[in-house]
N, C-alpha and C. Protein backbone atom coordinates (compact mmCIF):
# COMPACT_ATOMS: atom_id res chain seq x y z
N MET A 1 -40.35 140.39 124.65
CA MET A 1 -39.34 140.75 123.66
C MET A 1 -39.39 139.81 122.46
N THR A 2 -39.59 138.52 122.73
CA THR A 2 -39.66 137.54 121.65
C THR A 2 -40.87 137.79 120.77
N ARG A 3 -41.99 138.15 121.39
CA ARG A 3 -43.20 138.43 120.61
C ARG A 3 -42.99 139.63 119.69
N VAL A 4 -42.29 140.62 120.17
CA VAL A 4 -42.03 141.80 119.36
C VAL A 4 -41.18 141.43 118.15
N LEU A 5 -40.17 140.59 118.34
CA LEU A 5 -39.33 140.17 117.22
C LEU A 5 -40.11 139.34 116.20
N VAL A 6 -40.98 138.48 116.68
CA VAL A 6 -41.80 137.66 115.79
C VAL A 6 -42.74 138.55 114.98
N VAL A 7 -43.40 139.49 115.64
CA VAL A 7 -44.32 140.39 114.96
C VAL A 7 -43.56 141.25 113.95
N MET A 8 -42.41 141.76 114.32
CA MET A 8 -41.60 142.59 113.42
C MET A 8 -41.14 141.77 112.21
N SER A 9 -40.75 140.52 112.42
CA SER A 9 -40.32 139.65 111.33
C SER A 9 -41.47 139.38 110.37
N LEU A 10 -42.65 139.10 110.92
CA LEU A 10 -43.81 138.85 110.06
C LEU A 10 -44.19 140.09 109.26
N LEU A 11 -44.13 141.25 109.88
CA LEU A 11 -44.41 142.49 109.16
C LEU A 11 -43.39 142.72 108.05
N PHE A 12 -42.14 142.47 108.35
CA PHE A 12 -41.09 142.64 107.34
C PHE A 12 -41.31 141.70 106.16
N LEU A 13 -41.62 140.45 106.43
CA LEU A 13 -41.84 139.47 105.38
C LEU A 13 -43.09 139.78 104.57
N SER A 14 -44.08 140.37 105.17
CA SER A 14 -45.31 140.66 104.44
C SER A 14 -45.14 141.78 103.43
N PHE A 15 -44.11 142.63 103.60
CA PHE A 15 -43.89 143.73 102.67
C PHE A 15 -42.91 143.38 101.56
N LEU A 16 -42.32 142.19 101.61
CA LEU A 16 -41.42 141.77 100.54
C LEU A 16 -42.24 141.43 99.30
N PRO A 17 -41.73 141.77 98.12
CA PRO A 17 -42.46 141.41 96.91
C PRO A 17 -42.46 139.90 96.72
N ALA A 18 -43.51 139.40 96.12
CA ALA A 18 -43.61 137.97 95.88
C ALA A 18 -42.59 137.54 94.83
N ALA A 19 -42.03 136.37 95.00
CA ALA A 19 -41.08 135.84 94.04
C ALA A 19 -41.81 135.54 92.74
N SER A 20 -41.19 135.91 91.65
CA SER A 20 -41.82 135.70 90.36
C SER A 20 -41.09 134.60 89.60
N ALA A 21 -41.84 133.68 89.07
CA ALA A 21 -41.26 132.63 88.26
C ALA A 21 -41.30 133.01 86.78
N SER A 22 -41.95 134.11 86.45
CA SER A 22 -42.05 134.54 85.06
C SER A 22 -40.80 135.27 84.64
N PRO A 23 -40.38 135.08 83.39
CA PRO A 23 -39.22 135.81 82.90
C PRO A 23 -39.51 137.30 82.74
N ALA A 24 -38.48 138.10 82.89
CA ALA A 24 -38.59 139.55 82.71
C ALA A 24 -37.57 139.98 81.66
N LEU A 25 -37.95 140.93 80.82
CA LEU A 25 -37.06 141.45 79.80
C LEU A 25 -35.93 142.23 80.46
N VAL A 26 -34.66 141.89 80.12
CA VAL A 26 -33.53 142.61 80.70
C VAL A 26 -32.80 143.47 79.67
N SER A 27 -32.87 143.10 78.39
CA SER A 27 -32.27 143.94 77.36
C SER A 27 -32.89 143.63 76.01
N ALA A 28 -32.70 144.56 75.09
CA ALA A 28 -33.25 144.40 73.74
C ALA A 28 -32.28 145.02 72.75
N ASN A 29 -32.29 144.48 71.53
CA ASN A 29 -31.48 145.04 70.45
C ASN A 29 -32.35 145.06 69.20
N PRO A 30 -32.67 146.23 68.64
CA PRO A 30 -32.29 147.58 69.04
C PRO A 30 -32.79 147.90 70.45
N GLY A 31 -32.04 148.76 71.10
CA GLY A 31 -32.33 149.10 72.49
C GLY A 31 -33.64 149.84 72.67
N MET A 32 -34.13 149.75 73.89
CA MET A 32 -35.37 150.44 74.25
C MET A 32 -35.17 151.95 74.17
N ASN A 33 -36.05 152.62 73.47
CA ASN A 33 -36.01 154.07 73.30
C ASN A 33 -34.72 154.56 72.65
N SER A 34 -34.10 153.71 71.84
CA SER A 34 -32.84 154.08 71.19
C SER A 34 -33.11 154.70 69.83
N THR A 35 -32.11 155.39 69.31
CA THR A 35 -32.14 155.92 67.96
C THR A 35 -30.97 155.30 67.23
N ILE A 36 -31.26 154.62 66.13
CA ILE A 36 -30.22 153.95 65.37
C ILE A 36 -30.17 154.54 63.97
N SER A 37 -29.03 154.35 63.26
CA SER A 37 -28.88 154.93 61.92
C SER A 37 -28.89 153.89 60.82
N VAL A 38 -28.79 152.61 61.16
CA VAL A 38 -28.81 151.54 60.17
C VAL A 38 -29.95 150.59 60.51
N ALA A 39 -30.74 150.23 59.52
CA ALA A 39 -31.88 149.33 59.75
C ALA A 39 -31.39 147.99 60.29
N PRO A 40 -31.98 147.50 61.37
CA PRO A 40 -31.54 146.23 61.94
C PRO A 40 -32.04 145.05 61.09
N ALA A 41 -31.29 143.95 61.14
CA ALA A 41 -31.70 142.74 60.44
C ALA A 41 -32.70 141.94 61.27
N ASP A 42 -32.66 142.15 62.60
CA ASP A 42 -33.56 141.41 63.49
C ASP A 42 -33.74 142.16 64.80
N VAL A 43 -34.70 141.70 65.58
CA VAL A 43 -34.92 142.20 66.94
C VAL A 43 -34.59 141.05 67.88
N ARG A 44 -33.77 141.32 68.91
CA ARG A 44 -33.39 140.32 69.90
C ARG A 44 -33.85 140.79 71.28
N LEU A 45 -34.62 139.95 71.94
CA LEU A 45 -35.11 140.23 73.28
C LEU A 45 -34.45 139.25 74.24
N THR A 46 -33.77 139.76 75.26
CA THR A 46 -33.08 138.92 76.24
C THR A 46 -33.82 138.98 77.57
N PHE A 47 -34.14 137.83 78.12
CA PHE A 47 -34.88 137.72 79.38
C PHE A 47 -33.97 137.19 80.49
N ASP A 48 -34.40 137.35 81.72
CA ASP A 48 -33.59 136.92 82.87
C ASP A 48 -33.74 135.43 83.17
N ARG A 49 -34.63 134.76 82.50
CA ARG A 49 -34.85 133.32 82.68
C ARG A 49 -34.97 132.66 81.32
N ASN A 50 -34.82 131.36 81.31
CA ASN A 50 -34.93 130.59 80.08
C ASN A 50 -36.34 130.74 79.50
N VAL A 51 -36.43 131.09 78.22
CA VAL A 51 -37.72 131.23 77.56
C VAL A 51 -37.90 130.22 76.43
N ALA A 52 -36.85 129.45 76.13
CA ALA A 52 -36.97 128.42 75.10
C ALA A 52 -38.01 127.40 75.58
N GLY A 53 -38.95 127.09 74.74
CA GLY A 53 -40.02 126.17 75.11
C GLY A 53 -41.15 126.84 75.87
N SER A 54 -41.11 128.17 75.97
CA SER A 54 -42.15 128.92 76.69
C SER A 54 -43.17 129.50 75.73
N GLY A 55 -43.37 128.86 74.62
CA GLY A 55 -44.29 129.38 73.61
C GLY A 55 -45.73 129.22 74.04
N PRO A 56 -46.65 129.78 73.32
CA PRO A 56 -46.42 130.46 72.05
C PRO A 56 -45.80 131.84 72.24
N TYR A 57 -45.09 132.29 71.20
CA TYR A 57 -44.44 133.60 71.23
C TYR A 57 -45.13 134.52 70.24
N LEU A 58 -45.12 135.79 70.54
CA LEU A 58 -45.60 136.80 69.61
C LEU A 58 -44.68 137.99 69.72
N ILE A 59 -44.07 138.35 68.61
CA ILE A 59 -43.26 139.57 68.56
C ILE A 59 -43.70 140.33 67.31
N ALA A 60 -44.13 141.56 67.49
CA ALA A 60 -44.55 142.40 66.37
C ALA A 60 -43.69 143.66 66.36
N VAL A 61 -43.25 144.05 65.18
CA VAL A 61 -42.51 145.29 64.99
C VAL A 61 -43.26 146.10 63.95
N THR A 62 -43.87 147.18 64.39
CA THR A 62 -44.69 147.99 63.50
C THR A 62 -44.12 149.39 63.36
N GLY A 63 -44.30 149.96 62.19
CA GLY A 63 -43.86 151.32 61.93
C GLY A 63 -44.36 151.75 60.57
N GLY A 64 -44.80 152.98 60.46
CA GLY A 64 -45.32 153.49 59.19
C GLY A 64 -46.54 152.73 58.70
N GLY A 65 -47.31 152.19 59.64
CA GLY A 65 -48.52 151.48 59.27
C GLY A 65 -48.28 150.07 58.74
N GLN A 66 -47.05 149.56 58.87
CA GLN A 66 -46.75 148.24 58.36
C GLN A 66 -46.14 147.35 59.44
N GLN A 67 -46.26 146.04 59.23
CA GLN A 67 -45.64 145.04 60.10
C GLN A 67 -44.29 144.68 59.49
N TRP A 68 -43.21 144.80 60.26
CA TRP A 68 -41.87 144.56 59.74
C TRP A 68 -41.27 143.24 60.20
N ALA A 69 -41.85 142.62 61.20
CA ALA A 69 -41.32 141.34 61.70
C ALA A 69 -41.79 140.20 60.82
N GLU A 70 -40.88 139.26 60.57
CA GLU A 70 -41.23 138.02 59.87
C GLU A 70 -41.97 137.12 60.86
N SER A 71 -42.58 136.07 60.36
CA SER A 71 -43.39 135.22 61.24
C SER A 71 -42.56 134.21 62.03
N LEU A 72 -41.34 133.90 61.61
CA LEU A 72 -40.51 132.91 62.29
C LEU A 72 -39.77 133.54 63.46
N ILE A 73 -39.98 133.00 64.66
CA ILE A 73 -39.32 133.51 65.86
C ILE A 73 -38.39 132.44 66.39
N GLY A 74 -37.13 132.81 66.63
CA GLY A 74 -36.16 131.87 67.18
C GLY A 74 -36.06 132.03 68.68
N ALA A 75 -35.98 130.89 69.39
CA ALA A 75 -35.85 130.91 70.85
C ALA A 75 -34.61 130.11 71.22
N ASP A 76 -33.67 130.77 71.91
CA ASP A 76 -32.44 130.11 72.32
C ASP A 76 -32.16 130.48 73.77
N ASP A 77 -32.42 129.60 74.69
CA ASP A 77 -32.24 129.83 76.13
C ASP A 77 -33.01 131.07 76.57
N THR A 78 -32.30 132.19 76.78
CA THR A 78 -32.93 133.40 77.31
C THR A 78 -33.22 134.45 76.23
N VAL A 79 -32.98 134.11 74.96
CA VAL A 79 -33.09 135.10 73.89
C VAL A 79 -34.14 134.69 72.87
N LEU A 80 -35.04 135.64 72.55
CA LEU A 80 -35.97 135.48 71.44
C LEU A 80 -35.50 136.39 70.31
N THR A 81 -35.49 135.86 69.09
CA THR A 81 -35.03 136.62 67.93
C THR A 81 -36.07 136.52 66.83
N VAL A 82 -36.38 137.66 66.23
CA VAL A 82 -37.30 137.68 65.09
C VAL A 82 -36.62 138.47 63.96
N PRO A 83 -36.51 137.87 62.76
CA PRO A 83 -35.93 138.61 61.63
C PRO A 83 -36.90 139.69 61.14
N LEU A 84 -36.32 140.74 60.57
CA LEU A 84 -37.13 141.85 60.05
C LEU A 84 -37.04 141.89 58.53
N ARG A 85 -38.09 142.37 57.91
CA ARG A 85 -38.08 142.56 56.46
C ARG A 85 -37.03 143.61 56.11
N PRO A 86 -36.42 143.48 54.93
CA PRO A 86 -35.40 144.47 54.53
C PRO A 86 -36.01 145.81 54.12
N ALA A 87 -35.15 146.79 53.99
CA ALA A 87 -35.49 148.13 53.49
C ALA A 87 -36.48 148.87 54.39
N MET A 88 -36.28 148.80 55.70
CA MET A 88 -37.12 149.57 56.61
C MET A 88 -36.83 151.06 56.43
N PRO A 89 -37.84 151.88 56.25
CA PRO A 89 -37.60 153.31 56.10
C PRO A 89 -37.33 153.97 57.45
N ALA A 90 -36.77 155.16 57.40
CA ALA A 90 -36.56 155.93 58.63
C ALA A 90 -37.91 156.21 59.27
N GLY A 91 -37.94 156.19 60.59
CA GLY A 91 -39.19 156.44 61.29
C GLY A 91 -39.17 155.85 62.69
N ASP A 92 -40.30 155.87 63.34
CA ASP A 92 -40.45 155.34 64.69
C ASP A 92 -41.10 153.97 64.63
N TYR A 93 -40.61 153.06 65.46
CA TYR A 93 -41.09 151.68 65.45
C TYR A 93 -41.50 151.25 66.86
N LEU A 94 -42.52 150.40 66.92
CA LEU A 94 -43.02 149.86 68.18
C LEU A 94 -42.80 148.35 68.17
N VAL A 95 -42.12 147.85 69.20
CA VAL A 95 -41.91 146.41 69.37
C VAL A 95 -42.84 145.96 70.49
N THR A 96 -43.72 145.01 70.18
CA THR A 96 -44.58 144.42 71.22
C THR A 96 -44.26 142.93 71.28
N TYR A 97 -44.29 142.39 72.49
CA TYR A 97 -43.98 140.98 72.65
C TYR A 97 -44.91 140.35 73.69
N GLU A 98 -45.12 139.05 73.51
CA GLU A 98 -45.92 138.28 74.45
C GLU A 98 -45.45 136.84 74.39
N LEU A 99 -45.28 136.23 75.56
CA LEU A 99 -44.95 134.82 75.64
C LEU A 99 -45.63 134.24 76.86
N THR A 100 -45.83 132.95 76.84
CA THR A 100 -46.48 132.28 77.97
C THR A 100 -45.52 131.24 78.53
N PRO A 101 -44.83 131.56 79.63
CA PRO A 101 -43.89 130.62 80.22
C PRO A 101 -44.60 129.45 80.90
N SER A 102 -43.83 128.55 81.47
CA SER A 102 -44.38 127.33 82.06
C SER A 102 -45.33 127.59 83.22
N ASP A 103 -45.22 128.75 83.89
CA ASP A 103 -46.14 129.03 85.01
C ASP A 103 -47.52 129.45 84.52
N GLY A 104 -47.68 129.64 83.20
CA GLY A 104 -48.98 129.95 82.63
C GLY A 104 -49.38 131.41 82.68
N VAL A 105 -48.56 132.27 83.29
CA VAL A 105 -48.88 133.69 83.38
C VAL A 105 -48.24 134.41 82.19
N PRO A 106 -49.03 134.97 81.28
CA PRO A 106 -48.46 135.63 80.10
C PRO A 106 -47.55 136.80 80.49
N VAL A 107 -46.44 136.91 79.76
CA VAL A 107 -45.51 138.03 79.91
C VAL A 107 -45.68 138.91 78.68
N LYS A 108 -46.08 140.15 78.89
CA LYS A 108 -46.33 141.08 77.79
C LYS A 108 -45.52 142.35 78.02
N GLY A 109 -45.18 143.01 76.93
CA GLY A 109 -44.50 144.29 77.04
C GLY A 109 -44.34 144.93 75.68
N GLU A 110 -43.84 146.14 75.70
CA GLU A 110 -43.59 146.87 74.47
C GLU A 110 -42.53 147.93 74.72
N TYR A 111 -41.88 148.33 73.64
CA TYR A 111 -40.94 149.45 73.70
C TYR A 111 -40.81 150.04 72.31
N ARG A 112 -40.19 151.19 72.23
CA ARG A 112 -40.03 151.90 70.95
C ARG A 112 -38.55 152.11 70.63
N PHE A 113 -38.28 152.21 69.34
CA PHE A 113 -36.97 152.66 68.88
C PHE A 113 -37.18 153.48 67.61
N SER A 114 -36.20 154.29 67.26
CA SER A 114 -36.29 155.15 66.08
C SER A 114 -35.16 154.82 65.12
N LEU A 115 -35.48 154.84 63.85
CA LEU A 115 -34.50 154.66 62.79
C LEU A 115 -34.35 156.00 62.08
N ARG A 116 -33.18 156.56 62.17
CA ARG A 116 -32.91 157.86 61.56
C ARG A 116 -31.77 157.72 60.57
N GLY A 117 -31.67 158.65 59.67
CA GLY A 117 -30.57 158.63 58.71
C GLY A 117 -30.83 157.61 57.63
N ARG A 118 -29.77 157.01 57.17
CA ARG A 118 -29.90 156.09 56.05
C ARG A 118 -30.29 154.70 56.52
N THR A 119 -30.92 153.97 55.64
CA THR A 119 -31.22 152.57 55.90
C THR A 119 -30.16 151.73 55.21
N SER A 120 -30.08 150.47 55.50
CA SER A 120 -29.07 149.62 54.89
C SER A 120 -29.35 149.49 53.39
N THR A 121 -28.30 149.47 52.60
CA THR A 121 -28.41 149.41 51.15
C THR A 121 -28.54 147.95 50.72
N PRO A 122 -29.50 147.64 49.87
CA PRO A 122 -29.63 146.26 49.39
C PRO A 122 -28.39 145.80 48.64
N TRP A 123 -28.11 144.52 48.66
CA TRP A 123 -26.90 143.97 48.03
C TRP A 123 -26.84 144.24 46.54
N TRP A 124 -28.00 144.24 45.87
CA TRP A 124 -28.00 144.38 44.44
C TRP A 124 -27.55 145.78 43.99
N VAL A 125 -27.73 146.78 44.86
CA VAL A 125 -27.27 148.12 44.53
C VAL A 125 -25.75 148.13 44.46
N TRP A 126 -25.11 147.47 45.45
CA TRP A 126 -23.64 147.40 45.45
C TRP A 126 -23.13 146.60 44.25
N ALA A 127 -23.83 145.54 43.87
CA ALA A 127 -23.42 144.75 42.70
C ALA A 127 -23.52 145.60 41.43
N LEU A 128 -24.57 146.40 41.31
CA LEU A 128 -24.74 147.27 40.15
C LEU A 128 -23.63 148.33 40.11
N VAL A 129 -23.35 148.94 41.25
CA VAL A 129 -22.28 149.95 41.31
C VAL A 129 -20.94 149.33 40.92
N GLY A 130 -20.68 148.12 41.43
CA GLY A 130 -19.42 147.43 41.09
C GLY A 130 -19.32 147.15 39.61
N ALA A 131 -20.42 146.72 38.98
CA ALA A 131 -20.42 146.43 37.55
C ALA A 131 -20.18 147.69 36.74
N VAL A 132 -20.78 148.80 37.12
CA VAL A 132 -20.59 150.07 36.42
C VAL A 132 -19.15 150.54 36.53
N VAL A 133 -18.58 150.44 37.74
CA VAL A 133 -17.18 150.87 37.94
C VAL A 133 -16.24 149.99 37.12
N LEU A 134 -16.47 148.68 37.13
CA LEU A 134 -15.64 147.76 36.37
C LEU A 134 -15.76 148.04 34.87
N GLY A 135 -16.97 148.30 34.37
CA GLY A 135 -17.16 148.63 32.96
C GLY A 135 -16.47 149.93 32.60
N ALA A 136 -16.54 150.94 33.45
CA ALA A 136 -15.88 152.23 33.19
C ALA A 136 -14.36 152.05 33.17
N ALA A 137 -13.83 151.25 34.08
CA ALA A 137 -12.38 151.02 34.12
C ALA A 137 -11.92 150.28 32.87
N ALA A 138 -12.69 149.28 32.41
CA ALA A 138 -12.34 148.54 31.20
C ALA A 138 -12.37 149.46 29.98
N THR A 139 -13.37 150.33 29.90
CA THR A 139 -13.47 151.27 28.79
C THR A 139 -12.30 152.25 28.81
N ALA A 140 -11.96 152.77 29.97
CA ALA A 140 -10.82 153.70 30.08
C ALA A 140 -9.52 153.01 29.68
N TYR A 141 -9.34 151.77 30.05
CA TYR A 141 -8.13 151.02 29.71
C TYR A 141 -8.03 150.83 28.20
N ARG A 142 -9.15 150.47 27.57
CA ARG A 142 -9.14 150.29 26.10
C ARG A 142 -8.84 151.60 25.39
N LEU A 143 -9.41 152.69 25.85
CA LEU A 143 -9.16 153.99 25.22
C LEU A 143 -7.73 154.45 25.43
N ALA A 144 -7.13 154.11 26.55
CA ALA A 144 -5.77 154.52 26.84
C ALA A 144 -4.76 153.73 25.97
N ARG A 145 -5.10 152.53 25.55
CA ARG A 145 -4.20 151.69 24.77
C ARG A 145 -4.20 152.06 23.29
N ARG A 146 -5.11 152.90 22.84
CA ARG A 146 -5.17 153.28 21.42
C ARG A 146 -4.11 154.24 21.06
C-alpha cells in the first residue's frame, strides 16, 4: 500500500507544471484586443513579478507602417511604460514586447488593439479655437456699444 502511494505521488508531481521565475504579462493598457476611441498617450504593461532592473527592454507599437513608441521606456516595479508619439490615426496597432529578467530567459509577447473614431486633438487647436472665440466676442461687444 505504501509503494502505491509513493508511486501515485511521484506520478502526480511529474505532471505538475514547472515553477517559472520569469514574469508573465497580466494586463495591458490599452487592453489586449480592445477597441478605443481616443489615442493613448502611452502603453503600460503590467507583469506578475518585478521587472524593474530586468532590462534590456523592447516595446514596439506599430500601425499604418509606422513606429509609434518613443525610445524611452520606464520601469517601475511590475509596470513597463512607453510613451507614444502624438496624433495617432485611427487603425489597428500591434504591441510587441521583450525583456530579459534575472533568470536570463527572454520574455516575449505581442497583442493588438484598435483605435477607432476620433484621435486626441492637439493642444494648439484648442488654443486657436479659444483665440477665435475671444476675438469674436470682443468684436461683438465693440459693435454692440456703438
